[in-house]
């Protein structure tokens, strides 16, 4: 597990629900995802969402996939 994998997992949730659910619903699903990671990774996940959550939504809204979004966020 690393930050990039957290990005992929949490962005996949945005991609899955972007066109059918509210941002609040999606954020709740992302928090549930973070909780499943356990230990320190849950905190890392929360921090990632705090700093990159809006950018995730913006990029997915532009039609980017989870991989494309995370590559942009991590400047790969």
PDB file of N, CA and C in Angstrom:
ATOM      1  N   UNK A   1       0.853  -1.189   0.000  1.00  0.00           N
ATOM      2  CA  UNK A   1       0.000   0.000   0.000  1.00  0.00           C
ATOM      3  C   UNK A   1       0.889   1.239   0.000  1.00  0.00           C
ATOM      4  N   UNK A   2       0.516   2.201  -0.807  1.00  0.00           N
ATOM      5  CA  UNK A   2       1.195   3.492  -0.794  1.00  0.00           C
ATOM      6  C   UNK A   2       0.185   4.571  -1.177  1.00  0.00           C
ATOM      7  N   UNK A   3       0.650   5.809  -1.199  1.00  0.00           N
ATOM      8  CA  UNK A   3      -0.259   6.924  -1.469  1.00  0.00           C
ATOM      9  C   UNK A   3      -0.886   6.834  -2.857  1.00  0.00           C
ATOM     10  N   UNK A   4      -0.121   6.333  -3.827  1.00  0.00           N
ATOM     11  CA  UNK A   4      -0.657   6.210  -5.189  1.00  0.00           C
ATOM     12  C   UNK A   4      -1.817   5.212  -5.217  1.00  0.00           C
ATOM     13  N   UNK A   5      -1.665   4.093  -4.515  1.00  0.00           N
ATOM     14  CA  UNK A   5      -2.745   3.105  -4.441  1.00  0.00           C
ATOM     15  C   UNK A   5      -3.977   3.691  -3.752  1.00  0.00           C
ATOM     16  N   UNK A   6      -3.759   4.508  -2.733  1.00  0.00           N
ATOM     17  CA  UNK A   6      -4.873   5.182  -2.064  1.00  0.00           C
ATOM     18  C   UNK A   6      -5.567   6.113  -3.049  1.00  0.00           C
ATOM     19  N   UNK A   7      -4.781   6.808  -3.846  1.00  0.00           N
ATOM     20  CA  UNK A   7      -5.356   7.681  -4.868  1.00  0.00           C
ATOM     21  C   UNK A   7      -6.221   6.866  -5.826  1.00  0.00           C
ATOM     22  N   UNK A   8      -5.686   5.752  -6.315  1.00  0.00           N
ATOM     23  CA  UNK A   8      -6.446   4.925  -7.257  1.00  0.00           C
ATOM     24  C   UNK A   8      -7.746   4.424  -6.638  1.00  0.00           C
ATOM     25  N   UNK A   9      -7.664   3.930  -5.409  1.00  0.00           N
ATOM     26  CA  UNK A   9      -8.853   3.395  -4.753  1.00  0.00           C
ATOM     27  C   UNK A   9      -9.913   4.448  -4.512  1.00  0.00           C
ATOM     28  N   UNK A  10      -9.492   5.603  -4.033  1.00  0.00           N
ATOM     29  CA  UNK A  10     -10.468   6.652  -3.730  1.00  0.00           C
ATOM     30  C   UNK A  10     -10.987   7.325  -5.000  1.00  0.00           C
ATOM     31  N   UNK A  11     -10.148   7.432  -6.026  1.00  0.00           N
ATOM     32  CA  UNK A  11     -10.600   8.034  -7.283  1.00  0.00           C
ATOM     33  C   UNK A  11     -11.545   7.102  -8.023  1.00  0.00           C
ATOM     34  N   UNK A  12     -11.327   5.805  -7.915  1.00  0.00           N
ATOM     35  CA  UNK A  12     -12.234   4.843  -8.546  1.00  0.00           C
ATOM     36  C   UNK A  12     -13.655   5.025  -8.025  1.00  0.00           C
ATOM     37  N   UNK A  13     -13.783   5.391  -6.764  1.00  0.00           N
ATOM     38  CA  UNK A  13     -15.105   5.654  -6.181  1.00  0.00           C
ATOM     39  C   UNK A  13     -15.730   6.874  -6.842  1.00  0.00           C
ATOM     40  N   UNK A  14     -14.934   7.913  -7.057  1.00  0.00           N
ATOM     41  CA  UNK A  14     -15.444   9.117  -7.729  1.00  0.00           C
ATOM     42  C   UNK A  14     -15.903   8.760  -9.137  1.00  0.00           C
ATOM     43  N   UNK A  15     -15.075   8.008  -9.863  1.00  0.00           N
ATOM     44  CA  UNK A  15     -15.416   7.616 -11.234  1.00  0.00           C
ATOM     45  C   UNK A  15     -16.714   6.810 -11.247  1.00  0.00           C
ATOM     46  N   UNK A  16     -16.839   5.878 -10.316  1.00  0.00           N
ATOM     47  CA  UNK A  16     -18.010   5.003 -10.275  1.00  0.00           C
ATOM     48  C   UNK A  16     -19.308   5.773 -10.068  1.00  0.00           C
ATOM     49  N   UNK A  17     -19.281   6.762  -9.194  1.00  0.00           N
ATOM     50  CA  UNK A  17     -20.521   7.428  -8.794  1.00  0.00           C
ATOM     51  C   UNK A  17     -20.697   8.842  -9.340  1.00  0.00           C
ATOM     52  N   UNK A  18     -19.704   9.364 -10.048  1.00  0.00           N
ATOM     53  CA  UNK A  18     -19.695  10.784 -10.420  1.00  0.00           C
ATOM     54  C   UNK A  18     -20.977  11.239 -11.110  1.00  0.00           C
ATOM     55  N   UNK A  19     -21.459  10.461 -12.047  1.00  0.00           N
ATOM     56  CA  UNK A  19     -22.605  10.918 -12.849  1.00  0.00           C
ATOM     57  C   UNK A  19     -23.959  10.596 -12.220  1.00  0.00           C
ATOM     58  N   UNK A  20     -23.959   9.830 -11.125  1.00  0.00           N
ATOM     59  CA  UNK A  20     -25.244   9.401 -10.570  1.00  0.00           C
ATOM     60  C   UNK A  20     -25.497   9.820  -9.127  1.00  0.00           C
ATOM     61  N   UNK A  21     -24.458  10.253  -8.419  1.00  0.00           N
ATOM     62  CA  UNK A  21     -24.614  10.555  -6.993  1.00  0.00           C
ATOM     63  C   UNK A  21     -24.079  11.954  -6.665  1.00  0.00           C
ATOM     64  N   UNK A  22     -24.435  12.440  -5.479  1.00  0.00           N
ATOM     65  CA  UNK A  22     -23.959  13.750  -5.030  1.00  0.00           C
ATOM     66  C   UNK A  22     -22.511  13.650  -4.553  1.00  0.00           C
ATOM     67  N   UNK A  23     -21.848  14.788  -4.501  1.00  0.00           N
ATOM     68  CA  UNK A  23     -20.475  14.818  -4.006  1.00  0.00           C
ATOM     69  C   UNK A  23     -20.435  14.364  -2.546  1.00  0.00           C
ATOM     70  N   UNK A  24     -21.439  14.719  -1.784  1.00  0.00           N
ATOM     71  CA  UNK A  24     -21.492  14.306  -0.372  1.00  0.00           C
ATOM     72  C   UNK A  24     -21.546  12.783  -0.254  1.00  0.00           C
ATOM     73  N   UNK A  25     -22.380  12.135  -1.068  1.00  0.00           N
ATOM     74  CA  UNK A  25     -22.484  10.673  -1.064  1.00  0.00           C
ATOM     75  C   UNK A  25     -21.127  10.053  -1.403  1.00  0.00           C
ATOM     76  N   UNK A  26     -20.488  10.589  -2.430  1.00  0.00           N
ATOM     77  CA  UNK A  26     -19.196  10.062  -2.870  1.00  0.00           C
ATOM     78  C   UNK A  26     -18.155  10.223  -1.767  1.00  0.00           C
ATOM     79  N   UNK A  27     -18.150  11.368  -1.108  1.00  0.00           N
ATOM     80  CA  UNK A  27     -17.197  11.594  -0.024  1.00  0.00           C
ATOM     81  C   UNK A  27     -17.428  10.615   1.121  1.00  0.00           C
ATOM     82  N   UNK A  28     -18.683  10.282   1.406  1.00  0.00           N
ATOM     83  CA  UNK A  28     -18.980   9.292   2.443  1.00  0.00           C
ATOM     84  C   UNK A  28     -18.418   7.931   2.051  1.00  0.00           C
ATOM     85  N   UNK A  29     -18.550   7.566   0.783  1.00  0.00           N
ATOM     86  CA  UNK A  29     -18.004   6.298   0.291  1.00  0.00           C
ATOM     87  C   UNK A  29     -16.477   6.294   0.391  1.00  0.00           C
ATOM     88  N   UNK A  30     -15.860   7.443   0.124  1.00  0.00           N
ATOM     89  CA  UNK A  30     -14.407   7.538   0.232  1.00  0.00           C
ATOM     90  C   UNK A  30     -13.956   7.372   1.680  1.00  0.00           C
ATOM     91  N   UNK A  31     -14.690   7.942   2.617  1.00  0.00           N
ATOM     92  CA  UNK A  31     -14.360   7.782   4.036  1.00  0.00           C
ATOM     93  C   UNK A  31     -14.479   6.310   4.428  1.00  0.00           C
ATOM     94  N   UNK A  32     -15.528   5.639   3.948  1.00  0.00           N
ATOM     95  CA  UNK A  32     -15.676   4.203   4.214  1.00  0.00           C
ATOM     96  C   UNK A  32     -14.469   3.440   3.674  1.00  0.00           C
ATOM     97  N   UNK A  33     -14.024   3.804   2.470  1.00  0.00           N
ATOM     98  CA  UNK A  33     -12.845   3.173   1.873  1.00  0.00           C
ATOM     99  C   UNK A  33     -11.621   3.385   2.768  1.00  0.00           C
ATOM    100  N   UNK A  34     -11.419   4.605   3.227  1.00  0.00           N
ATOM    101  CA  UNK A  34     -10.273   4.894   4.097  1.00  0.00           C
ATOM    102  C   UNK A  34     -10.306   4.028   5.351  1.00  0.00           C
ATOM    103  N   UNK A  35     -11.471   3.866   5.928  1.00  0.00           N
ATOM    104  CA  UNK A  35     -11.601   3.072   7.152  1.00  0.00           C
ATOM    105  C   UNK A  35     -11.205   1.623   6.923  1.00  0.00           C
ATOM    106  N   UNK A  36     -11.442   1.099   5.713  1.00  0.00           N
ATOM    107  CA  UNK A  36     -11.103  -0.300   5.441  1.00  0.00           C
ATOM    108  C   UNK A  36      -9.599  -0.523   5.379  1.00  0.00           C
ATOM    109  N   UNK A  37      -8.831   0.532   5.198  1.00  0.00           N
ATOM    110  CA  UNK A  37      -7.381   0.381   5.070  1.00  0.00           C
ATOM    111  C   UNK A  37      -6.731   0.045   6.404  1.00  0.00           C
ATOM    112  N   UNK A  38      -7.269   0.591   7.478  1.00  0.00           N
ATOM    113  CA  UNK A  38      -6.779   0.295   8.816  1.00  0.00           C
ATOM    114  C   UNK A  38      -5.432   0.923   9.142  1.00  0.00           C
ATOM    115  N   UNK A  39      -5.179   1.012  10.415  1.00  0.00           N
ATOM    116  CA  UNK A  39      -3.903   1.517  10.907  1.00  0.00           C
ATOM    117  C   UNK A  39      -3.566   2.904  10.395  1.00  0.00           C
ATOM    118  N   UNK A  40      -2.276   3.116  10.180  1.00  0.00           N
ATOM    119  CA  UNK A  40      -1.798   4.418   9.718  1.00  0.00           C
ATOM    120  C   UNK A  40      -2.343   4.776   8.344  1.00  0.00           C
ATOM    121  N   UNK A  41      -2.635   3.774   7.520  1.00  0.00           N
ATOM    122  CA  UNK A  41      -3.106   4.054   6.161  1.00  0.00           C
ATOM    123  C   UNK A  41      -4.444   4.771   6.159  1.00  0.00           C
ATOM    124  N   UNK A  42      -5.265   4.543   7.177  1.00  0.00           N
ATOM    125  CA  UNK A  42      -6.530   5.274   7.261  1.00  0.00           C
ATOM    126  C   UNK A  42      -6.252   6.767   7.388  1.00  0.00           C
ATOM    127  N   UNK A  43      -5.324   7.138   8.240  1.00  0.00           N
ATOM    128  CA  UNK A  43      -4.957   8.543   8.404  1.00  0.00           C
ATOM    129  C   UNK A  43      -4.341   9.130   7.149  1.00  0.00           C
ATOM    130  N   UNK A  44      -3.485   8.356   6.495  1.00  0.00           N
ATOM    131  CA  UNK A  44      -2.880   8.811   5.238  1.00  0.00           C
ATOM    132  C   UNK A  44      -3.971   9.052   4.203  1.00  0.00           C
ATOM    133  N   UNK A  45      -4.933   8.166   4.156  1.00  0.00           N
ATOM    134  CA  UNK A  45      -6.052   8.292   3.218  1.00  0.00           C
ATOM    135  C   UNK A  45      -6.856   9.558   3.504  1.00  0.00           C
ATOM    136  N   UNK A  46      -7.156   9.810   4.762  1.00  0.00           N
ATOM    137  CA  UNK A  46      -7.893  11.027   5.125  1.00  0.00           C
ATOM    138  C   UNK A  46      -7.122  12.276   4.702  1.00  0.00           C
ATOM    139  N   UNK A  47      -5.818  12.263   4.921  1.00  0.00           N
ATOM    140  CA  UNK A  47      -4.994  13.416   4.536  1.00  0.00           C
ATOM    141  C   UNK A  47      -4.997  13.594   3.023  1.00  0.00           C
ATOM    142  N   UNK A  48      -4.904  12.485   2.307  1.00  0.00           N
ATOM    143  CA  UNK A  48      -4.926  12.568   0.846  1.00  0.00           C
ATOM    144  C   UNK A  48      -6.229  13.206   0.375  1.00  0.00           C
ATOM    145  N   UNK A  49      -7.345  12.747   0.932  1.00  0.00           N
ATOM    146  CA  UNK A  49      -8.644  13.299   0.528  1.00  0.00           C
ATOM    147  C   UNK A  49      -8.749  14.775   0.888  1.00  0.00           C
ATOM    148  N   UNK A  50      -8.209  15.142   2.042  1.00  0.00           N
ATOM    149  CA  UNK A  50      -8.268  16.545   2.462  1.00  0.00           C
ATOM    150  C   UNK A  50      -7.516  17.447   1.486  1.00  0.00           C
ATOM    151  N   UNK A  51      -6.385  16.974   1.000  1.00  0.00           N
ATOM    152  CA  UNK A  51      -5.557  17.805   0.124  1.00  0.00           C
ATOM    153  C   UNK A  51      -5.891  17.659  -1.355  1.00  0.00           C
ATOM    154  N   UNK A  52      -6.387  16.487  -1.764  1.00  0.00           N
ATOM    155  CA  UNK A  52      -6.564  16.236  -3.196  1.00  0.00           C
ATOM    156  C   UNK A  52      -7.996  15.928  -3.613  1.00  0.00           C
ATOM    157  N   UNK A  53      -8.919  15.903  -2.660  1.00  0.00           N
ATOM    158  CA  UNK A  53     -10.298  15.538  -2.976  1.00  0.00           C
ATOM    159  C   UNK A  53     -10.944  16.416  -4.031  1.00  0.00           C
ATOM    160  N   UNK A  54     -10.785  17.732  -3.910  1.00  0.00           N
ATOM    161  CA  UNK A  54     -11.393  18.636  -4.894  1.00  0.00           C
ATOM    162  C   UNK A  54     -10.783  18.442  -6.274  1.00  0.00           C
ATOM    163  N   UNK A  55      -9.475  18.213  -6.316  1.00  0.00           N
ATOM    164  CA  UNK A  55      -8.805  17.984  -7.593  1.00  0.00           C
ATOM    165  C   UNK A  55      -9.288  16.682  -8.224  1.00  0.00           C
ATOM    166  N   UNK A  56      -9.499  15.653  -7.404  1.00  0.00           N
ATOM    167  CA  UNK A  56     -10.053  14.397  -7.921  1.00  0.00           C
ATOM    168  C   UNK A  56     -11.375  14.662  -8.640  1.00  0.00           C
ATOM    169  N   UNK A  57     -12.279  15.360  -7.979  1.00  0.00           N
ATOM    170  CA  UNK A  57     -13.594  15.633  -8.562  1.00  0.00           C
ATOM    171  C   UNK A  57     -13.464  16.437  -9.847  1.00  0.00           C
ATOM    172  N   UNK A  58     -12.584  17.413  -9.844  1.00  0.00           N
ATOM    173  CA  UNK A  58     -12.391  18.254 -11.019  1.00  0.00           C
ATOM    174  C   UNK A  58     -11.886  17.439 -12.208  1.00  0.00           C
ATOM    175  N   UNK A  59     -10.891  16.608 -11.971  1.00  0.00           N
ATOM    176  CA  UNK A  59     -10.308  15.824 -13.063  1.00  0.00           C
ATOM    177  C   UNK A  59     -11.275  14.767 -13.588  1.00  0.00           C
ATOM    178  N   UNK A  60     -11.976  14.096 -12.684  1.00  0.00           N
ATOM    179  CA  UNK A  60     -12.978  13.116 -13.121  1.00  0.00           C
ATOM    180  C   UNK A  60     -14.076  13.825 -13.903  1.00  0.00           C
ATOM    181  N   UNK A  61     -14.449  15.018 -13.461  1.00  0.00           N
ATOM    182  CA  UNK A  61     -15.445  15.813 -14.174  1.00  0.00           C
ATOM    183  C   UNK A  61     -15.010  16.184 -15.581  1.00  0.00           C
ATOM    184  N   UNK A  62     -13.698  16.212 -15.809  1.00  0.00           N
ATOM    185  CA  UNK A  62     -13.153  16.486 -17.138  1.00  0.00           C
ATOM    186  C   UNK A  62     -13.018  15.211 -17.971  1.00  0.00           C
ATOM    187  N   UNK A  63     -13.490  14.089 -17.411  1.00  0.00           N
ATOM    188  CA  UNK A  63     -13.468  12.835 -18.152  1.00  0.00           C
ATOM    189  C   UNK A  63     -12.241  11.977 -17.933  1.00  0.00           C
ATOM    190  N   UNK A  64     -11.426  12.322 -16.950  1.00  0.00           N
ATOM    191  CA  UNK A  64     -10.214  11.546 -16.680  1.00  0.00           C
ATOM    192  C   UNK A  64     -10.565  10.255 -15.945  1.00  0.00           C
ATOM    193  N   UNK A  65      -9.803   9.201 -16.232  1.00  0.00           N
ATOM    194  CA  UNK A  65      -9.946   7.935 -15.517  1.00  0.00           C
ATOM    195  C   UNK A  65      -9.237   8.037 -14.172  1.00  0.00           C
ATOM    196  N   UNK A  66      -9.377   7.003 -13.348  1.00  0.00           N
ATOM    197  CA  UNK A  66      -8.687   6.989 -12.059  1.00  0.00           C
ATOM    198  C   UNK A  66      -7.173   7.040 -12.260  1.00  0.00           C
ATOM    199  N   UNK A  67      -6.659   6.257 -13.206  1.00  0.00           N
ATOM    200  CA  UNK A  67      -5.213   6.239 -13.455  1.00  0.00           C
ATOM    201  C   UNK A  67      -4.742   7.596 -13.964  1.00  0.00           C
ATOM    202  N   UNK A  68      -5.462   8.171 -14.924  1.00  0.00           N
ATOM    203  CA  UNK A  68      -5.083   9.488 -15.447  1.00  0.00           C
ATOM    204  C   UNK A  68      -5.100  10.539 -14.341  1.00  0.00           C
ATOM    205  N   UNK A  69      -6.134  10.497 -13.508  1.00  0.00           N
ATOM    206  CA  UNK A  69      -6.255  11.451 -12.404  1.00  0.00           C
ATOM    207  C   UNK A  69      -5.079  11.332 -11.449  1.00  0.00           C
ATOM    208  N   UNK A  70      -4.758  10.116 -11.048  1.00  0.00           N
ATOM    209  CA  UNK A  70      -3.665   9.920 -10.089  1.00  0.00           C
ATOM    210  C   UNK A  70      -2.310  10.235 -10.710  1.00  0.00           C
ATOM    211  N   UNK A  71      -2.143   9.946 -11.994  1.00  0.00           N
ATOM    212  CA  UNK A  71      -0.892  10.316 -12.661  1.00  0.00           C
ATOM    213  C   UNK A  71      -0.711  11.830 -12.650  1.00  0.00           C
ATOM    214  N   UNK A  72      -1.795  12.567 -12.850  1.00  0.00           N
ATOM    215  CA  UNK A  72      -1.724  14.029 -12.806  1.00  0.00           C
ATOM    216  C   UNK A  72      -1.415  14.504 -11.385  1.00  0.00           C
ATOM    217  N   UNK A  73      -2.127  13.958 -10.406  1.00  0.00           N
ATOM    218  CA  UNK A  73      -1.918  14.366  -9.015  1.00  0.00           C
ATOM    219  C   UNK A  73      -0.481  14.088  -8.579  1.00  0.00           C
ATOM    220  N   UNK A  74       0.048  12.939  -8.975  1.00  0.00           N
ATOM    221  CA  UNK A  74       1.406  12.563  -8.581  1.00  0.00           C
ATOM    222  C   UNK A  74       2.443  12.963  -9.628  1.00  0.00           C
ATOM    223  N   UNK A  75       2.012  13.671 -10.645  1.00  0.00           N
ATOM    224  CA  UNK A  75       2.878  14.190 -11.708  1.00  0.00           C
ATOM    225  C   UNK A  75       3.751  13.105 -12.311  1.00  0.00           C
ATOM    226  N   UNK A  76       3.105  11.982 -12.651  1.00  0.00           N
ATOM    227  CA  UNK A  76       3.845  10.871 -13.275  1.00  0.00           C
ATOM    228  C   UNK A  76       3.907  11.068 -14.767  1.00  0.00           C
TER     229      UNK A  76
END
